PDB file of all heavy atoms in Angstrom:
ATOM      1  N   GLU A   1      56.098  82.011 210.923  1.00  0.00           N
ATOM      2  CA  GLU A   1      55.924  82.949 212.039  1.00  0.00           C
ATOM      3  C   GLU A   1      55.026  84.108 211.624  1.00  0.00           C
ATOM      4  O   GLU A   1      55.372  85.282 211.759  1.00  0.00           O
ATOM      5  CB  GLU A   1      57.286  83.454 212.528  1.00  0.00           C
ATOM      6  CG  GLU A   1      58.163  82.368 213.131  1.00  0.00           C
ATOM      7  CD  GLU A   1      59.490  82.897 213.630  1.00  0.00           C
ATOM      8  OE1 GLU A   1      59.762  84.101 213.399  1.00  0.00           O
ATOM      9  OE2 GLU A   1      60.250  82.130 214.224  1.00  0.00           O
ATOM     10  N   SER A   2      53.864  83.768 211.084  1.00  0.00           N
ATOM     11  CA  SER A   2      52.818  84.732 210.691  1.00  0.00           C
ATOM     12  C   SER A   2      53.264  85.664 209.570  1.00  0.00           C
ATOM     13  O   SER A   2      52.656  86.710 209.365  1.00  0.00           O
ATOM     14  CB  SER A   2      52.360  85.563 211.902  1.00  0.00           C
ATOM     15  OG  SER A   2      51.883  84.730 212.935  1.00  0.00           O
ATOM     16  N   GLN A   3      54.300  85.318 208.858  1.00  0.00           N
ATOM     17  CA  GLN A   3      54.772  86.127 207.740  1.00  0.00           C
ATOM     18  C   GLN A   3      54.828  85.275 206.483  1.00  0.00           C
ATOM     19  O   GLN A   3      55.405  84.179 206.499  1.00  0.00           O
ATOM     20  CB  GLN A   3      56.160  86.711 208.037  1.00  0.00           C
ATOM     21  CG  GLN A   3      56.656  87.658 206.955  1.00  0.00           C
ATOM     22  CD  GLN A   3      58.008  88.265 207.279  1.00  0.00           C
ATOM     23  OE1 GLN A   3      58.603  87.938 208.305  1.00  0.00           O
ATOM     24  NE2 GLN A   3      58.488  89.136 206.438  1.00  0.00           N
ATOM     25  N   LYS A   4      54.219  85.776 205.406  1.00  0.00           N
ATOM     26  CA  LYS A   4      54.187  85.031 204.158  1.00  0.00           C
ATOM     27  C   LYS A   4      55.502  85.209 203.403  1.00  0.00           C
ATOM     28  O   LYS A   4      56.026  86.312 203.295  1.00  0.00           O
ATOM     29  CB  LYS A   4      53.015  85.505 203.286  1.00  0.00           C
ATOM     30  CG  LYS A   4      51.654  85.148 203.863  1.00  0.00           C
ATOM     31  CD  LYS A   4      50.537  85.559 202.938  1.00  0.00           C
ATOM     32  CE  LYS A   4      49.178  85.150 203.503  1.00  0.00           C
ATOM     33  NZ  LYS A   4      48.060  85.563 202.598  1.00  0.00           N
ATOM     34  N   LYS A   5      56.008  84.080 202.881  1.00  0.00           N
ATOM     35  CA  LYS A   5      57.257  84.094 202.140  1.00  0.00           C
ATOM     36  C   LYS A   5      57.071  83.321 200.839  1.00  0.00           C
ATOM     37  O   LYS A   5      56.271  82.380 200.783  1.00  0.00           O
ATOM     38  CB  LYS A   5      58.395  83.477 202.959  1.00  0.00           C
ATOM     39  CG  LYS A   5      58.735  84.243 204.235  1.00  0.00           C
ATOM     40  CD  LYS A   5      59.852  83.562 204.993  1.00  0.00           C
ATOM     41  CE  LYS A   5      60.214  84.337 206.250  1.00  0.00           C
ATOM     42  NZ  LYS A   5      60.860  85.632 205.930  1.00  0.00           N
ATOM     43  N   ILE A   6      57.826  83.690 199.818  1.00  0.00           N
ATOM     44  CA  ILE A   6      57.812  83.002 198.531  1.00  0.00           C
ATOM     45  C   ILE A   6      59.079  82.167 198.427  1.00  0.00           C
ATOM     46  O   ILE A   6      60.185  82.678 198.573  1.00  0.00           O
ATOM     47  CB  ILE A   6      57.720  83.994 197.367  1.00  0.00           C
ATOM     48  CG1 ILE A   6      56.424  84.796 197.445  1.00  0.00           C
ATOM     49  CG2 ILE A   6      57.812  83.269 196.039  1.00  0.00           C
ATOM     50  CD1 ILE A   6      56.310  85.865 196.393  1.00  0.00           C
ATOM     51  N   VAL A   7      58.894  80.881 198.200  1.00  0.00           N
ATOM     52  CA  VAL A   7      60.023  79.956 198.114  1.00  0.00           C
ATOM     53  C   VAL A   7      59.947  79.204 196.796  1.00  0.00           C
ATOM     54  O   VAL A   7      58.864  78.826 196.339  1.00  0.00           O
ATOM     55  CB  VAL A   7      60.023  78.961 199.298  1.00  0.00           C
ATOM     56  CG1 VAL A   7      61.215  78.024 199.205  1.00  0.00           C
ATOM     57  CG2 VAL A   7      60.035  79.704 200.617  1.00  0.00           C
ATOM     58  N   ILE A   8      61.084  79.011 196.160  1.00  0.00           N
ATOM     59  CA  ILE A   8      61.176  78.275 194.910  1.00  0.00           C
ATOM     60  C   ILE A   8      61.484  76.813 195.225  1.00  0.00           C
ATOM     61  O   ILE A   8      62.486  76.510 195.892  1.00  0.00           O
ATOM     62  CB  ILE A   8      62.264  78.866 193.987  1.00  0.00           C
ATOM     63  CG1 ILE A   8      62.062  80.388 193.833  1.00  0.00           C
ATOM     64  CG2 ILE A   8      62.252  78.181 192.640  1.00  0.00           C
ATOM     65  CD1 ILE A   8      60.722  80.778 193.248  1.00  0.00           C
ATOM     66  N   TYR A   9      60.615  75.905 194.760  1.00  0.00           N
ATOM     67  CA  TYR A   9      60.774  74.458 194.960  1.00  0.00           C
ATOM     68  C   TYR A   9      61.224  73.818 193.647  1.00  0.00           C
ATOM     69  O   TYR A   9      60.919  74.316 192.551  1.00  0.00           O
ATOM     70  CB  TYR A   9      59.457  73.812 195.375  1.00  0.00           C
ATOM     71  CG  TYR A   9      59.066  73.984 196.818  1.00  0.00           C
ATOM     72  CD1 TYR A   9      58.535  75.164 197.279  1.00  0.00           C
ATOM     73  CD2 TYR A   9      59.219  72.938 197.716  1.00  0.00           C
ATOM     74  CE1 TYR A   9      58.154  75.318 198.604  1.00  0.00           C
ATOM     75  CE2 TYR A   9      58.847  73.077 199.045  1.00  0.00           C
ATOM     76  CZ  TYR A   9      58.320  74.263 199.479  1.00  0.00           C
ATOM     77  OH  TYR A   9      57.948  74.413 200.789  1.00  0.00           O
ATOM     78  N   SER A  10      61.892  72.692 193.768  1.00  0.00           N
ATOM     79  CA  SER A  10      62.285  71.923 192.581  1.00  0.00           C
ATOM     80  C   SER A  10      61.183  70.925 192.237  1.00  0.00           C
ATOM     81  O   SER A  10      60.692  70.207 193.105  1.00  0.00           O
ATOM     82  CB  SER A  10      63.599  71.185 192.842  1.00  0.00           C
ATOM     83  OG  SER A  10      63.481  70.341 193.972  1.00  0.00           O
ATOM     84  N   LYS A  11      60.790  70.887 190.961  1.00  0.00           N
ATOM     85  CA  LYS A  11      59.780  69.937 190.504  1.00  0.00           C
ATOM     86  C   LYS A  11      60.386  68.574 190.212  1.00  0.00           C
ATOM     87  O   LYS A  11      59.707  67.550 190.287  1.00  0.00           O
ATOM     88  CB  LYS A  11      59.095  70.459 189.232  1.00  0.00           C
ATOM     89  CG  LYS A  11      58.195  71.652 189.443  1.00  0.00           C
ATOM     90  CD  LYS A  11      57.583  72.124 188.134  1.00  0.00           C
ATOM     91  CE  LYS A  11      56.716  71.058 187.505  1.00  0.00           C
ATOM     92  NZ  LYS A  11      56.059  71.525 186.271  1.00  0.00           N
ATOM     93  N   GLN A  12      61.646  68.567 189.850  1.00  0.00           N
ATOM     94  CA  GLN A  12      62.322  67.342 189.438  1.00  0.00           C
ATOM     95  C   GLN A  12      63.778  67.428 189.848  1.00  0.00           C
ATOM     96  O   GLN A  12      64.211  68.432 190.429  1.00  0.00           O
ATOM     97  CB  GLN A  12      62.206  67.181 187.912  1.00  0.00           C
ATOM     98  CG  GLN A  12      62.854  68.342 187.161  1.00  0.00           C
ATOM     99  CD  GLN A  12      62.345  68.462 185.746  1.00  0.00           C
ATOM    100  OE1 GLN A  12      61.186  68.190 185.475  1.00  0.00           O
ATOM    101  NE2 GLN A  12      63.223  68.883 184.832  1.00  0.00           N
ATOM    102  N   HIS A  13      64.516  66.385 189.571  1.00  0.00           N
ATOM    103  CA  HIS A  13      65.940  66.400 189.881  1.00  0.00           C
ATOM    104  C   HIS A  13      66.648  67.411 188.984  1.00  0.00           C
ATOM    105  O   HIS A  13      66.425  67.458 187.763  1.00  0.00           O
ATOM    106  CB  HIS A  13      66.541  65.007 189.687  1.00  0.00           C
ATOM    107  CG  HIS A  13      68.011  64.960 189.952  1.00  0.00           C
ATOM    108  ND1 HIS A  13      68.547  64.906 191.226  1.00  0.00           N
ATOM    109  CD2 HIS A  13      69.072  64.974 189.093  1.00  0.00           C
ATOM    110  CE1 HIS A  13      69.855  64.884 191.155  1.00  0.00           C
ATOM    111  NE2 HIS A  13      70.209  64.922 189.872  1.00  0.00           N
ATOM    112  N   ILE A  14      67.501  68.223 189.583  1.00  0.00           N
ATOM    113  CA  ILE A  14      68.237  69.257 188.847  1.00  0.00           C
ATOM    114  C   ILE A  14      69.720  68.912 188.911  1.00  0.00           C
ATOM    115  O   ILE A  14      70.278  68.704 189.995  1.00  0.00           O
ATOM    116  CB  ILE A  14      67.979  70.650 189.443  1.00  0.00           C
ATOM    117  CG1 ILE A  14      66.480  70.982 189.380  1.00  0.00           C
ATOM    118  CG2 ILE A  14      68.780  71.714 188.713  1.00  0.00           C
ATOM    119  CD1 ILE A  14      66.120  72.283 190.055  1.00  0.00           C
ATOM    120  N   ASN A  15      70.352  68.836 187.757  1.00  0.00           N
ATOM    121  CA  ASN A  15      71.769  68.496 187.676  1.00  0.00           C
ATOM    122  C   ASN A  15      72.640  69.726 187.883  1.00  0.00           C
ATOM    123  O   ASN A  15      72.167  70.876 187.870  1.00  0.00           O
ATOM    124  CB  ASN A  15      72.084  67.860 186.319  1.00  0.00           C
ATOM    125  CG  ASN A  15      71.322  66.569 186.107  1.00  0.00           C
ATOM    126  OD1 ASN A  15      71.205  65.745 187.014  1.00  0.00           O
ATOM    127  ND2 ASN A  15      70.791  66.374 184.906  1.00  0.00           N
ATOM    128  N   VAL A  16      73.918  69.481 188.049  1.00  0.00           N
ATOM    129  CA  VAL A  16      74.888  70.567 188.194  1.00  0.00           C
ATOM    130  C   VAL A  16      74.964  71.349 186.877  1.00  0.00           C
ATOM    131  O   VAL A  16      74.921  70.763 185.792  1.00  0.00           O
ATOM    132  CB  VAL A  16      76.269  70.014 188.590  1.00  0.00           C
ATOM    133  CG1 VAL A  16      77.291  71.139 188.741  1.00  0.00           C
ATOM    134  CG2 VAL A  16      76.169  69.219 189.884  1.00  0.00           C
ATOM    135  N   ASN A  17      75.053  72.666 186.989  1.00  0.00           N
ATOM    136  CA  ASN A  17      75.124  73.598 185.856  1.00  0.00           C
ATOM    137  C   ASN A  17      73.818  73.656 185.060  1.00  0.00           C
ATOM    138  O   ASN A  17      73.794  74.243 183.967  1.00  0.00           O
ATOM    139  CB  ASN A  17      76.274  73.248 184.908  1.00  0.00           C
ATOM    140  CG  ASN A  17      77.639  73.433 185.567  1.00  0.00           C
ATOM    141  OD1 ASN A  17      77.821  74.333 186.399  1.00  0.00           O
ATOM    142  ND2 ASN A  17      78.592  72.582 185.208  1.00  0.00           N
ATOM    143  N   GLU A  18      72.750  73.088 185.567  1.00  0.00           N
ATOM    144  CA  GLU A  18      71.446  73.197 184.897  1.00  0.00           C
ATOM    145  C   GLU A  18      70.768  74.482 185.357  1.00  0.00           C
ATOM    146  O   GLU A  18      70.775  74.824 186.547  1.00  0.00           O
ATOM    147  CB  GLU A  18      70.577  71.997 185.235  1.00  0.00           C
ATOM    148  CG  GLU A  18      69.232  71.991 184.506  1.00  0.00           C
ATOM    149  CD  GLU A  18      68.412  70.749 184.828  1.00  0.00           C
ATOM    150  OE1 GLU A  18      68.977  69.820 185.458  1.00  0.00           O
ATOM    151  OE2 GLU A  18      67.225  70.708 184.451  1.00  0.00           O
ATOM    152  N   GLU A  19      70.152  75.197 184.408  1.00  0.00           N
ATOM    153  CA  GLU A  19      69.510  76.462 184.741  1.00  0.00           C
ATOM    154  C   GLU A  19      68.197  76.217 185.486  1.00  0.00           C
ATOM    155  O   GLU A  19      67.419  75.337 185.133  1.00  0.00           O
ATOM    156  CB  GLU A  19      69.245  77.294 183.487  1.00  0.00           C
ATOM    157  CG  GLU A  19      68.643  78.660 183.801  1.00  0.00           C
ATOM    158  CD  GLU A  19      68.579  79.583 182.595  1.00  0.00           C
ATOM    159  OE1 GLU A  19      68.953  79.136 181.488  1.00  0.00           O
ATOM    160  OE2 GLU A  19      68.151  80.739 182.762  1.00  0.00           O
ATOM    161  N   ILE A  20      67.964  77.020 186.490  1.00  0.00           N
ATOM    162  CA  ILE A  20      66.751  76.925 187.294  1.00  0.00           C
ATOM    163  C   ILE A  20      65.696  77.851 186.696  1.00  0.00           C
ATOM    164  O   ILE A  20      65.957  79.038 186.465  1.00  0.00           O
ATOM    165  CB  ILE A  20      67.041  77.307 188.759  1.00  0.00           C
ATOM    166  CG1 ILE A  20      68.000  76.285 189.367  1.00  0.00           C
ATOM    167  CG2 ILE A  20      65.765  77.404 189.575  1.00  0.00           C
ATOM    168  CD1 ILE A  20      68.544  76.675 190.711  1.00  0.00           C
ATOM    169  N   THR A  21      64.510  77.295 186.435  1.00  0.00           N
ATOM    170  CA  THR A  21      63.426  78.062 185.811  1.00  0.00           C
ATOM    171  C   THR A  21      62.107  77.739 186.507  1.00  0.00           C
ATOM    172  O   THR A  21      61.961  76.695 187.141  1.00  0.00           O
ATOM    173  CB  THR A  21      63.299  77.719 184.319  1.00  0.00           C
ATOM    174  OG1 THR A  21      63.065  76.301 184.178  1.00  0.00           O
ATOM    175  CG2 THR A  21      64.550  78.108 183.552  1.00  0.00           C
ATOM    176  N   TYR A  22      61.161  78.667 186.382  1.00  0.00           N
ATOM    177  CA  TYR A  22      59.795  78.415 186.834  1.00  0.00           C
ATOM    178  C   TYR A  22      58.842  79.224 185.970  1.00  0.00           C
ATOM    179  O   TYR A  22      59.260  80.139 185.236  1.00  0.00           O
ATOM    180  CB  TYR A  22      59.609  78.735 188.323  1.00  0.00           C
ATOM    181  CG  TYR A  22      59.726  80.199 188.679  1.00  0.00           C
ATOM    182  CD1 TYR A  22      58.612  81.042 188.668  1.00  0.00           C
ATOM    183  CD2 TYR A  22      60.942  80.746 189.070  1.00  0.00           C
ATOM    184  CE1 TYR A  22      58.718  82.372 189.013  1.00  0.00           C
ATOM    185  CE2 TYR A  22      61.061  82.074 189.415  1.00  0.00           C
ATOM    186  CZ  TYR A  22      59.942  82.891 189.389  1.00  0.00           C
ATOM    187  OH  TYR A  22      60.058  84.212 189.720  1.00  0.00           O
ATOM    188  N   ASP A  23      57.573  78.899 186.025  1.00  0.00           N
ATOM    189  CA  ASP A  23      56.556  79.572 185.226  1.00  0.00           C
ATOM    190  C   ASP A  23      56.141  80.856 185.927  1.00  0.00           C
ATOM    191  O   ASP A  23      55.673  80.822 187.069  1.00  0.00           O
ATOM    192  CB  ASP A  23      55.345  78.647 185.044  1.00  0.00           C
ATOM    193  CG  ASP A  23      54.375  79.167 183.988  1.00  0.00           C
ATOM    194  OD1 ASP A  23      54.478  80.360 183.613  1.00  0.00           O
ATOM    195  OD2 ASP A  23      53.518  78.385 183.541  1.00  0.00           O
ATOM    196  N   TYR A  24      56.309  82.009 185.254  1.00  0.00           N
ATOM    197  CA  TYR A  24      55.961  83.286 185.849  1.00  0.00           C
ATOM    198  C   TYR A  24      54.450  83.427 186.074  1.00  0.00           C
ATOM    199  O   TYR A  24      54.020  84.147 186.968  1.00  0.00           O
ATOM    200  CB  TYR A  24      56.437  84.434 184.955  1.00  0.00           C
ATOM    201  CG  TYR A  24      57.933  84.697 185.008  1.00  0.00           C
ATOM    202  CD1 TYR A  24      58.779  83.910 185.784  1.00  0.00           C
ATOM    203  CD2 TYR A  24      58.496  85.733 184.275  1.00  0.00           C
ATOM    204  CE1 TYR A  24      60.133  84.156 185.826  1.00  0.00           C
ATOM    205  CE2 TYR A  24      59.860  85.989 184.311  1.00  0.00           C
ATOM    206  CZ  TYR A  24      60.675  85.192 185.085  1.00  0.00           C
ATOM    207  OH  TYR A  24      62.025  85.450 185.131  1.00  0.00           O
ATOM    208  N   LYS A  25      53.660  82.776 185.225  1.00  0.00           N
ATOM    209  CA  LYS A  25      52.192  82.839 185.331  1.00  0.00           C
ATOM    210  C   LYS A  25      51.694  84.288 185.324  1.00  0.00           C
ATOM    211  O   LYS A  25      50.907  84.699 186.178  1.00  0.00           O
ATOM    212  CB  LYS A  25      51.706  82.108 186.583  1.00  0.00           C
ATOM    213  CG  LYS A  25      51.977  80.610 186.557  1.00  0.00           C
ATOM    214  CD  LYS A  25      51.413  79.908 187.767  1.00  0.00           C
ATOM    215  CE  LYS A  25      51.683  78.397 187.699  1.00  0.00           C
ATOM    216  NZ  LYS A  25      51.148  77.675 188.884  1.00  0.00           N
ATOM    217  N   PHE A  26      52.156  85.045 184.342  1.00  0.00           N
ATOM    218  CA  PHE A  26      51.702  86.416 184.185  1.00  0.00           C
ATOM    219  C   PHE A  26      50.228  86.427 183.774  1.00  0.00           C
ATOM    220  O   PHE A  26      49.771  85.528 183.056  1.00  0.00           O
ATOM    221  CB  PHE A  26      52.532  87.144 183.132  1.00  0.00           C
ATOM    222  CG  PHE A  26      53.881  87.603 183.612  1.00  0.00           C
ATOM    223  CD1 PHE A  26      54.824  88.098 182.727  1.00  0.00           C
ATOM    224  CD2 PHE A  26      54.209  87.558 184.958  1.00  0.00           C
ATOM    225  CE1 PHE A  26      56.058  88.530 183.166  1.00  0.00           C
ATOM    226  CE2 PHE A  26      55.441  87.976 185.420  1.00  0.00           C
ATOM    227  CZ  PHE A  26      56.362  88.468 184.516  1.00  0.00           C
ATOM    228  N   PRO A  27      49.467  87.420 184.200  1.00  0.00           N
ATOM    229  CA  PRO A  27      48.069  87.505 183.757  1.00  0.00           C
ATOM    230  C   PRO A  27      47.989  87.800 182.265  1.00  0.00           C
ATOM    231  O   PRO A  27      48.882  88.436 181.682  1.00  0.00           O
ATOM    232  CB  PRO A  27      47.509  88.664 184.589  1.00  0.00           C
ATOM    233  CG  PRO A  27      48.699  89.484 184.969  1.00  0.00           C
ATOM    234  CD  PRO A  27      49.827  88.511 185.131  1.00  0.00           C
ATOM    235  N   ILE A  28      46.900  87.341 181.646  1.00  0.00           N
ATOM    236  CA  ILE A  28      46.707  87.533 180.201  1.00  0.00           C
ATOM    237  C   ILE A  28      46.440  89.004 179.916  1.00  0.00           C
ATOM    238  O   ILE A  28      45.552  89.620 180.510  1.00  0.00           O
ATOM    239  CB  ILE A  28      45.549  86.652 179.698  1.00  0.00           C
ATOM    240  CG1 ILE A  28      45.886  85.169 179.932  1.00  0.00           C
ATOM    241  CG2 ILE A  28      45.280  86.911 178.223  1.00  0.00           C
ATOM    242  CD1 ILE A  28      44.753  84.235 179.576  1.00  0.00           C
ATOM    243  N   GLU A  29      47.212  89.572 179.007  1.00  0.00           N
ATOM    244  CA  GLU A  29      47.075  90.984 178.630  1.00  0.00           C
ATOM    245  C   GLU A  29      47.096  91.091 177.113  1.00  0.00           C
ATOM    246  O   GLU A  29      47.496  90.161 176.393  1.00  0.00           O
ATOM    247  CB  GLU A  29      48.213  91.817 179.237  1.00  0.00           C
ATOM    248  CG  GLU A  29      48.201  91.856 180.760  1.00  0.00           C
ATOM    249  CD  GLU A  29      49.395  92.616 181.330  1.00  0.00           C
ATOM    250  OE1 GLU A  29      50.352  92.878 180.564  1.00  0.00           O
ATOM    251  OE2 GLU A  29      49.360  92.938 182.521  1.00  0.00           O
ATOM    252  N   ASP A  30      46.637  92.263 176.627  1.00  0.00           N
ATOM    253  CA  ASP A  30      46.608  92.487 175.184  1.00  0.00           C
ATOM    254  C   ASP A  30      48.013  92.641 174.612  1.00  0.00           C
ATOM    255  O   ASP A  30      48.324  92.111 173.542  1.00  0.00           O
ATOM    256  CB  ASP A  30      45.765  93.737 174.870  1.00  0.00           C
ATOM    257  CG  ASP A  30      44.307  93.543 175.241  1.00  0.00           C
ATOM    258  OD1 ASP A  30      43.853  92.382 175.250  1.00  0.00           O
ATOM    259  OD2 ASP A  30      43.626  94.552 175.535  1.00  0.00           O
ATOM    260  N   VAL A  31      48.858  93.375 175.336  1.00  0.00           N
ATOM    261  CA  VAL A  31      50.244  93.546 174.888  1.00  0.00           C
ATOM    262  C   VAL A  31      51.038  92.319 175.329  1.00  0.00           C
ATOM    263  O   VAL A  31      51.253  92.094 176.528  1.00  0.00           O
ATOM    264  CB  VAL A  31      50.857  94.827 175.486  1.00  0.00           C
ATOM    265  CG1 VAL A  31      52.296  94.991 174.999  1.00  0.00           C
ATOM    266  CG2 VAL A  31      50.009  96.043 175.123  1.00  0.00           C
TER     267      VAL A  31
END
């Protein structure tokens, strides 16, 4: 509805009690 949203998708099958993770893709910095 003309509004951008961020949604987390599953790449593969996730089992019960498995931790959900994704790549932050932070920009490259010196620190």
